[in-house]
N, C-alpha and C. Protein backbone atom coordinates (compact mmCIF):
# COMPACT_ATOMS: atom_id res chain seq x y z
N UNK A 1 69.82 95.85 79.81
CA UNK A 1 68.87 96.66 79.08
C UNK A 1 68.32 97.78 79.96
N UNK A 2 68.06 97.45 81.24
CA UNK A 2 67.54 98.46 82.16
C UNK A 2 68.53 99.60 82.35
N UNK A 3 69.83 99.28 82.37
CA UNK A 3 70.84 100.33 82.53
C UNK A 3 70.86 101.26 81.33
N UNK A 4 70.70 100.71 80.15
CA UNK A 4 70.67 101.53 78.93
C UNK A 4 69.45 102.43 78.93
N UNK A 5 68.29 101.86 79.27
CA UNK A 5 67.07 102.66 79.35
C UNK A 5 67.19 103.76 80.41
N UNK A 6 67.77 103.41 81.55
CA UNK A 6 67.95 104.39 82.61
C UNK A 6 68.87 105.51 82.17
N UNK A 7 69.92 105.17 81.45
CA UNK A 7 70.85 106.18 80.95
C UNK A 7 70.18 107.08 79.93
N UNK A 8 69.39 106.50 79.05
CA UNK A 8 68.72 107.28 78.02
C UNK A 8 67.63 108.18 78.57
N UNK A 9 66.97 107.75 79.63
CA UNK A 9 65.88 108.54 80.20
C UNK A 9 66.36 109.47 81.31
N UNK A 10 67.61 109.37 81.70
CA UNK A 10 68.13 110.23 82.75
C UNK A 10 67.81 109.74 84.15
N UNK A 11 67.31 108.53 84.26
CA UNK A 11 66.95 107.99 85.57
C UNK A 11 67.93 106.90 86.00
N UNK A 12 69.21 107.27 85.95
CA UNK A 12 70.21 106.25 86.26
C UNK A 12 70.56 106.20 87.75
N UNK A 13 70.14 107.21 88.52
CA UNK A 13 70.39 107.17 89.96
C UNK A 13 71.85 107.38 90.32
N UNK A 14 72.70 107.59 89.35
CA UNK A 14 74.12 107.79 89.60
C UNK A 14 74.46 109.27 89.49
N UNK A 15 75.06 109.77 90.52
CA UNK A 15 75.46 111.16 90.50
C UNK A 15 76.84 111.34 89.85
N UNK A 16 77.55 110.23 89.66
CA UNK A 16 78.88 110.32 89.05
C UNK A 16 78.82 110.92 87.66
N UNK A 17 77.85 110.49 86.87
CA UNK A 17 77.70 111.02 85.52
C UNK A 17 77.35 112.50 85.57
N UNK A 18 76.45 112.89 86.45
CA UNK A 18 76.09 114.30 86.59
C UNK A 18 77.29 115.13 87.02
N UNK A 19 78.06 114.61 87.97
CA UNK A 19 79.24 115.33 88.43
C UNK A 19 80.29 115.46 87.34
N UNK A 20 80.45 114.43 86.54
CA UNK A 20 81.38 114.48 85.42
C UNK A 20 80.92 115.50 84.38
N UNK A 21 79.63 115.52 84.12
CA UNK A 21 79.10 116.50 83.16
C UNK A 21 79.22 117.92 83.69
N UNK A 22 79.03 118.13 84.99
CA UNK A 22 79.23 119.46 85.57
C UNK A 22 80.69 119.88 85.46
N UNK A 23 81.60 118.94 85.65
CA UNK A 23 83.03 119.24 85.48
C UNK A 23 83.31 119.65 84.03
N UNK A 24 82.82 118.86 83.09
CA UNK A 24 83.04 119.18 81.68
C UNK A 24 82.42 120.52 81.30
N UNK A 25 81.24 120.79 81.84
CA UNK A 25 80.56 122.06 81.57
C UNK A 25 81.37 123.23 82.13
N UNK A 26 81.85 123.08 83.38
CA UNK A 26 82.66 124.13 83.99
C UNK A 26 83.93 124.38 83.21
N UNK A 27 84.61 123.30 82.80
CA UNK A 27 85.87 123.45 82.05
C UNK A 27 85.64 124.08 80.68
N UNK A 28 84.59 123.65 80.00
CA UNK A 28 84.31 124.19 78.67
C UNK A 28 83.92 125.66 78.72
N UNK A 29 82.97 125.98 79.58
CA UNK A 29 82.47 127.35 79.62
C UNK A 29 83.50 128.28 80.27
N UNK A 30 84.21 127.77 81.26
CA UNK A 30 85.26 128.58 81.90
C UNK A 30 86.38 128.90 80.93
N UNK A 31 86.81 127.90 80.18
CA UNK A 31 87.87 128.13 79.19
C UNK A 31 87.44 129.04 78.07
N UNK A 32 86.21 128.85 77.60
CA UNK A 32 85.71 129.69 76.51
C UNK A 32 85.57 131.14 76.94
N UNK A 33 84.99 131.37 78.12
CA UNK A 33 84.81 132.75 78.58
C UNK A 33 86.13 133.40 78.96
N UNK A 34 87.07 132.60 79.43
CA UNK A 34 88.39 133.14 79.77
C UNK A 34 89.05 133.77 78.54
N UNK A 35 88.84 133.16 77.38
CA UNK A 35 89.42 133.74 76.16
C UNK A 35 88.81 135.11 75.86
N UNK A 36 87.54 135.31 76.19
CA UNK A 36 86.91 136.61 75.99
C UNK A 36 87.52 137.65 76.94
N UNK A 37 87.70 137.26 78.20
CA UNK A 37 88.28 138.18 79.18
C UNK A 37 89.72 138.53 78.86
N UNK A 38 90.51 137.53 78.47
CA UNK A 38 91.90 137.79 78.10
C UNK A 38 91.96 138.65 76.84
N UNK A 39 91.06 138.42 75.92
CA UNK A 39 91.00 139.25 74.72
C UNK A 39 90.73 140.71 75.06
N UNK A 40 89.89 140.94 76.06
CA UNK A 40 89.62 142.31 76.49
C UNK A 40 90.86 142.93 77.13
N UNK A 41 91.59 142.14 77.88
CA UNK A 41 92.83 142.64 78.49
C UNK A 41 93.84 143.00 77.40
N UNK A 42 94.00 142.12 76.44
CA UNK A 42 94.99 142.32 75.37
C UNK A 42 94.66 143.54 74.50
N UNK A 43 93.38 143.84 74.35
CA UNK A 43 92.95 144.94 73.48
C UNK A 43 92.32 146.08 74.29
N UNK A 44 92.74 146.21 75.53
CA UNK A 44 92.13 147.18 76.43
C UNK A 44 92.13 148.60 75.86
N UNK A 45 93.28 149.04 75.39
CA UNK A 45 93.38 150.44 74.93
C UNK A 45 92.49 150.71 73.71
N UNK A 46 92.30 149.70 72.87
CA UNK A 46 91.43 149.89 71.71
C UNK A 46 89.95 149.82 72.09
N UNK A 47 89.62 148.96 73.07
CA UNK A 47 88.23 148.77 73.45
C UNK A 47 87.70 149.84 74.41
N UNK A 48 88.55 150.35 75.29
CA UNK A 48 88.11 151.25 76.36
C UNK A 48 87.29 152.45 75.88
N UNK A 49 87.71 153.16 74.85
CA UNK A 49 86.95 154.35 74.47
C UNK A 49 85.56 154.05 73.88
N UNK A 50 85.39 152.89 73.28
CA UNK A 50 84.14 152.60 72.57
C UNK A 50 83.34 151.46 73.18
N UNK A 51 83.78 150.92 74.32
CA UNK A 51 83.07 149.80 74.93
C UNK A 51 81.68 150.24 75.34
N UNK A 52 80.72 149.37 75.14
CA UNK A 52 79.32 149.68 75.44
C UNK A 52 79.16 149.96 76.94
N UNK A 53 78.35 150.95 77.28
CA UNK A 53 78.17 151.40 78.66
C UNK A 53 76.72 151.23 79.09
N UNK A 54 76.26 149.99 79.31
CA UNK A 54 74.85 149.78 79.63
C UNK A 54 74.46 150.21 81.04
N UNK A 55 75.43 150.32 81.95
CA UNK A 55 75.12 150.68 83.33
C UNK A 55 75.24 152.18 83.59
N UNK A 56 75.70 152.92 82.60
CA UNK A 56 75.84 154.36 82.74
C UNK A 56 76.99 154.78 83.64
N UNK A 57 78.03 153.97 83.72
CA UNK A 57 79.19 154.29 84.57
C UNK A 57 80.41 154.70 83.76
N UNK A 58 80.29 154.69 82.46
CA UNK A 58 81.40 155.02 81.58
C UNK A 58 81.91 153.79 80.86
N UNK A 59 82.51 154.01 79.70
CA UNK A 59 83.00 152.90 78.88
C UNK A 59 84.13 152.13 79.55
N UNK A 60 85.11 152.87 80.07
CA UNK A 60 86.26 152.19 80.68
C UNK A 60 85.87 151.40 81.93
N UNK A 61 85.10 151.96 82.88
CA UNK A 61 84.68 151.15 84.03
C UNK A 61 83.83 149.94 83.63
N UNK A 62 82.99 150.10 82.62
CA UNK A 62 82.19 148.97 82.14
C UNK A 62 83.08 147.87 81.59
N UNK A 63 84.11 148.26 80.85
CA UNK A 63 85.06 147.29 80.31
C UNK A 63 85.81 146.59 81.43
N UNK A 64 86.26 147.35 82.42
CA UNK A 64 87.00 146.76 83.55
C UNK A 64 86.12 145.76 84.30
N UNK A 65 84.87 146.12 84.56
CA UNK A 65 83.97 145.19 85.26
C UNK A 65 83.73 143.92 84.45
N UNK A 66 83.50 144.06 83.15
CA UNK A 66 83.30 142.88 82.30
C UNK A 66 84.55 142.02 82.29
N UNK A 67 85.71 142.66 82.19
CA UNK A 67 86.98 141.95 82.17
C UNK A 67 87.18 141.15 83.46
N UNK A 68 86.98 141.83 84.59
CA UNK A 68 87.15 141.16 85.89
C UNK A 68 86.20 139.98 86.04
N UNK A 69 84.95 140.20 85.69
CA UNK A 69 83.96 139.11 85.79
C UNK A 69 84.37 137.94 84.92
N UNK A 70 84.77 138.22 83.69
CA UNK A 70 85.10 137.15 82.75
C UNK A 70 86.37 136.41 83.13
N UNK A 71 87.38 137.12 83.61
CA UNK A 71 88.65 136.46 83.95
C UNK A 71 88.56 135.76 85.30
N UNK A 72 88.20 136.49 86.35
CA UNK A 72 88.16 135.91 87.69
C UNK A 72 87.06 134.85 87.79
N UNK A 73 85.89 135.15 87.23
CA UNK A 73 84.80 134.18 87.26
C UNK A 73 85.13 132.91 86.51
N UNK A 74 85.79 133.05 85.36
CA UNK A 74 86.16 131.87 84.57
C UNK A 74 87.19 131.01 85.28
N UNK A 75 88.18 131.65 85.90
CA UNK A 75 89.20 130.89 86.64
C UNK A 75 88.54 130.15 87.80
N UNK A 76 87.63 130.82 88.50
CA UNK A 76 86.92 130.18 89.60
C UNK A 76 86.11 128.98 89.11
N UNK A 77 85.45 129.12 87.96
CA UNK A 77 84.69 127.99 87.40
C UNK A 77 85.61 126.85 87.01
N UNK A 78 86.74 127.17 86.41
CA UNK A 78 87.69 126.12 86.01
C UNK A 78 88.14 125.32 87.23
N UNK A 79 88.35 126.01 88.35
CA UNK A 79 88.80 125.34 89.57
C UNK A 79 87.66 124.71 90.36
N UNK A 80 86.45 125.18 90.12
CA UNK A 80 85.32 124.71 90.92
C UNK A 80 85.33 125.37 92.28
N UNK A 81 85.74 126.64 92.32
CA UNK A 81 85.78 127.40 93.56
C UNK A 81 84.73 128.50 93.48
N UNK A 82 83.85 128.55 94.46
CA UNK A 82 82.76 129.53 94.46
C UNK A 82 81.97 129.48 93.15
N UNK A 83 81.62 128.30 92.74
CA UNK A 83 80.94 128.09 91.47
C UNK A 83 79.65 128.88 91.36
N UNK A 84 78.81 128.80 92.36
CA UNK A 84 77.52 129.49 92.28
C UNK A 84 77.68 131.00 92.25
N UNK A 85 78.57 131.53 93.06
CA UNK A 85 78.81 132.98 93.07
C UNK A 85 79.38 133.43 91.72
N UNK A 86 80.35 132.68 91.21
CA UNK A 86 80.94 133.01 89.91
C UNK A 86 79.90 132.93 88.80
N UNK A 87 79.07 131.90 88.85
CA UNK A 87 78.02 131.75 87.84
C UNK A 87 77.03 132.91 87.92
N UNK A 88 76.72 133.36 89.13
CA UNK A 88 75.80 134.48 89.30
C UNK A 88 76.38 135.77 88.69
N UNK A 89 77.64 136.04 88.99
CA UNK A 89 78.30 137.24 88.45
C UNK A 89 78.36 137.17 86.92
N UNK A 90 78.73 136.01 86.40
CA UNK A 90 78.82 135.86 84.94
C UNK A 90 77.44 135.87 84.29
N UNK A 91 76.43 135.35 84.98
CA UNK A 91 75.06 135.41 84.47
C UNK A 91 74.61 136.86 84.37
N UNK A 92 74.92 137.64 85.38
CA UNK A 92 74.58 139.07 85.34
C UNK A 92 75.31 139.75 84.18
N UNK A 93 76.60 139.47 84.04
CA UNK A 93 77.39 140.06 82.95
C UNK A 93 76.81 139.71 81.59
N UNK A 94 76.45 138.45 81.40
CA UNK A 94 75.88 138.04 80.12
C UNK A 94 74.47 138.59 79.94
N UNK A 95 73.73 138.72 81.03
CA UNK A 95 72.39 139.32 80.94
C UNK A 95 72.47 140.77 80.48
N UNK A 96 73.44 141.50 81.02
CA UNK A 96 73.65 142.88 80.59
C UNK A 96 74.07 142.91 79.12
N UNK A 97 74.93 141.98 78.73
CA UNK A 97 75.37 141.92 77.32
C UNK A 97 74.19 141.61 76.40
N UNK A 98 73.34 140.67 76.80
CA UNK A 98 72.18 140.32 75.98
C UNK A 98 71.28 141.55 75.80
N UNK A 99 71.04 142.25 76.90
CA UNK A 99 70.18 143.43 76.82
C UNK A 99 70.83 144.53 75.97
N UNK A 100 72.06 144.89 76.31
CA UNK A 100 72.71 146.03 75.66
C UNK A 100 73.00 145.77 74.19
N UNK A 101 73.55 144.63 73.88
CA UNK A 101 73.89 144.32 72.48
C UNK A 101 72.61 144.01 71.70
N UNK A 102 71.65 143.38 72.37
CA UNK A 102 70.38 143.10 71.72
C UNK A 102 69.65 144.35 71.27
N UNK A 103 69.80 145.43 72.04
CA UNK A 103 69.17 146.69 71.67
C UNK A 103 69.79 147.26 70.38
N UNK A 104 71.07 146.94 70.16
CA UNK A 104 71.78 147.48 68.99
C UNK A 104 71.69 146.54 67.80
N UNK A 105 72.03 145.27 68.03
CA UNK A 105 72.15 144.32 66.92
C UNK A 105 70.96 143.37 66.76
N UNK A 106 70.11 143.29 67.75
CA UNK A 106 69.01 142.35 67.68
C UNK A 106 69.45 140.95 68.10
N UNK A 107 68.58 139.99 67.90
CA UNK A 107 68.81 138.61 68.36
C UNK A 107 70.09 138.00 67.79
N UNK A 108 70.37 138.26 66.53
CA UNK A 108 71.54 137.65 65.88
C UNK A 108 72.84 138.03 66.57
N UNK A 109 72.86 139.18 67.23
CA UNK A 109 74.08 139.62 67.90
C UNK A 109 74.24 139.09 69.31
N UNK A 110 73.19 138.48 69.86
CA UNK A 110 73.25 138.07 71.27
C UNK A 110 73.07 136.57 71.49
N UNK A 111 73.02 135.80 70.44
CA UNK A 111 72.79 134.36 70.61
C UNK A 111 73.83 133.72 71.52
N UNK A 112 75.10 134.02 71.30
CA UNK A 112 76.16 133.40 72.10
C UNK A 112 76.06 133.83 73.56
N UNK A 113 75.83 135.11 73.81
CA UNK A 113 75.70 135.59 75.19
C UNK A 113 74.49 134.93 75.86
N UNK A 114 73.42 134.71 75.11
CA UNK A 114 72.24 134.05 75.66
C UNK A 114 72.54 132.59 76.03
N UNK A 115 73.29 131.91 75.19
CA UNK A 115 73.67 130.52 75.49
C UNK A 115 74.57 130.47 76.72
N UNK A 116 75.54 131.39 76.78
CA UNK A 116 76.37 131.49 77.99
C UNK A 116 75.48 131.68 79.22
N UNK A 117 74.49 132.55 79.11
CA UNK A 117 73.59 132.82 80.23
C UNK A 117 72.90 131.55 80.70
N UNK A 118 72.44 130.74 79.77
CA UNK A 118 71.76 129.49 80.15
C UNK A 118 72.71 128.53 80.85
N UNK A 119 73.95 128.47 80.40
CA UNK A 119 74.93 127.61 81.06
C UNK A 119 75.22 128.12 82.47
N UNK A 120 75.37 129.44 82.62
CA UNK A 120 75.62 130.00 83.94
C UNK A 120 74.43 129.79 84.87
N UNK A 121 73.23 129.86 84.33
CA UNK A 121 72.04 129.58 85.13
C UNK A 121 72.05 128.14 85.62
N UNK A 122 72.44 127.23 84.74
CA UNK A 122 72.55 125.82 85.12
C UNK A 122 73.56 125.63 86.24
N UNK A 123 74.72 126.26 86.12
CA UNK A 123 75.75 126.13 87.16
C UNK A 123 75.33 126.82 88.46
N UNK A 124 74.58 127.89 88.35
CA UNK A 124 74.06 128.57 89.54
C UNK A 124 73.13 127.63 90.31
N UNK A 125 72.31 126.92 89.59
CA UNK A 125 71.35 126.00 90.23
C UNK A 125 72.03 124.72 90.71
N UNK A 126 72.86 124.12 89.86
CA UNK A 126 73.45 122.81 90.16
C UNK A 126 74.70 122.88 91.03
N UNK A 127 75.44 123.98 90.95
CA UNK A 127 76.72 124.06 91.66
C UNK A 127 77.81 123.38 90.86
N UNK A 128 78.96 123.23 91.47
CA UNK A 128 80.14 122.72 90.78
C UNK A 128 80.26 121.21 90.71
N UNK A 129 79.50 120.50 91.51
CA UNK A 129 79.58 119.05 91.53
C UNK A 129 80.71 118.54 92.43
N UNK A 130 80.86 117.23 92.46
CA UNK A 130 81.85 116.61 93.34
C UNK A 130 83.29 116.82 92.89
N UNK A 131 83.48 117.07 91.60
CA UNK A 131 84.84 117.25 91.09
C UNK A 131 85.18 118.73 91.07
N UNK A 132 85.17 119.34 92.27
CA UNK A 132 85.44 120.76 92.39
C UNK A 132 86.21 121.01 93.69
N UNK A 133 86.93 122.11 93.73
CA UNK A 133 87.66 122.46 94.95
C UNK A 133 86.72 122.72 96.11
N UNK A 134 85.57 123.35 95.83
CA UNK A 134 84.64 123.65 96.90
C UNK A 134 84.09 122.37 97.54
N UNK A 135 83.90 121.33 96.75
CA UNK A 135 83.41 120.07 97.30
C UNK A 135 84.49 119.43 98.18
N UNK A 136 85.72 119.46 97.72
CA UNK A 136 86.84 118.91 98.51
C UNK A 136 86.97 119.67 99.83
N UNK A 137 86.88 121.00 99.75
CA UNK A 137 86.98 121.83 100.96
C UNK A 137 85.85 121.50 101.94
N UNK A 138 84.63 121.39 101.41
CA UNK A 138 83.47 121.10 102.25
C UNK A 138 83.60 119.72 102.89
N UNK A 139 84.07 118.77 102.12
CA UNK A 139 84.25 117.40 102.63
C UNK A 139 85.26 117.39 103.79
N UNK A 140 86.36 118.12 103.64
CA UNK A 140 87.37 118.20 104.70
C UNK A 140 86.81 118.92 105.93
N UNK A 141 86.03 119.94 105.70
CA UNK A 141 85.45 120.71 106.81
C UNK A 141 84.48 119.83 107.62
N UNK A 142 83.68 119.06 106.94
CA UNK A 142 82.73 118.17 107.62
C UNK A 142 83.48 117.10 108.40
N UNK A 143 84.53 116.54 107.78
CA UNK A 143 85.33 115.52 108.47
C UNK A 143 85.99 116.10 109.72
N UNK A 144 86.46 117.33 109.62
CA UNK A 144 87.09 117.97 110.77
C UNK A 144 86.08 118.20 111.89
N UNK A 145 84.87 118.63 111.56
CA UNK A 145 83.82 118.83 112.56
C UNK A 145 83.45 117.51 113.24
N UNK A 146 83.36 116.46 112.44
CA UNK A 146 83.02 115.15 113.01
C UNK A 146 84.12 114.65 113.92
N UNK A 147 85.38 114.92 113.55
CA UNK A 147 86.50 114.51 114.40
C UNK A 147 86.49 115.28 115.72
N UNK A 148 86.13 116.55 115.67
CA UNK A 148 86.05 117.34 116.89
C UNK A 148 84.91 116.87 117.79
N UNK A 149 83.80 116.46 117.19
CA UNK A 149 82.67 115.95 117.97
C UNK A 149 83.02 114.62 118.63
N UNK A 150 83.82 113.81 117.95
CA UNK A 150 84.18 112.50 118.48
C UNK A 150 85.10 112.61 119.68
N UNK A 151 85.84 113.71 119.77
CA UNK A 151 86.77 113.89 120.90
C UNK A 151 86.08 114.24 122.14
């Protein structure tokens, strides 16, 4: 009974569940955003002339930056590589989208970008978890340092 109560209240003391949820979150949001980035690549010529330019750098450069952030950032999240940096870049991208699209369409047009922003904020704070490439790399690096100290 105590285990059920602990699970329901979030006080289970197990990081395995949190790490699994971070993995699922990374895979879901990375895959979903990747489709947006790939969609921009596939429709580049149609989107480039009319893409919103919130930074004042031109429509095409704005599209390229959004595309790069969405594709490279999403792949990094899927792999769990540079999770916090990728989440920060994608959070900025979605923040710009919320502001720019919100000015045109209002709240109804930015709900999805706002939800993406909250997920990226969560990943920025929490990181990728144990089921990520960065965790594996860090674990190997620490083991290597300890082996060097032992010699």
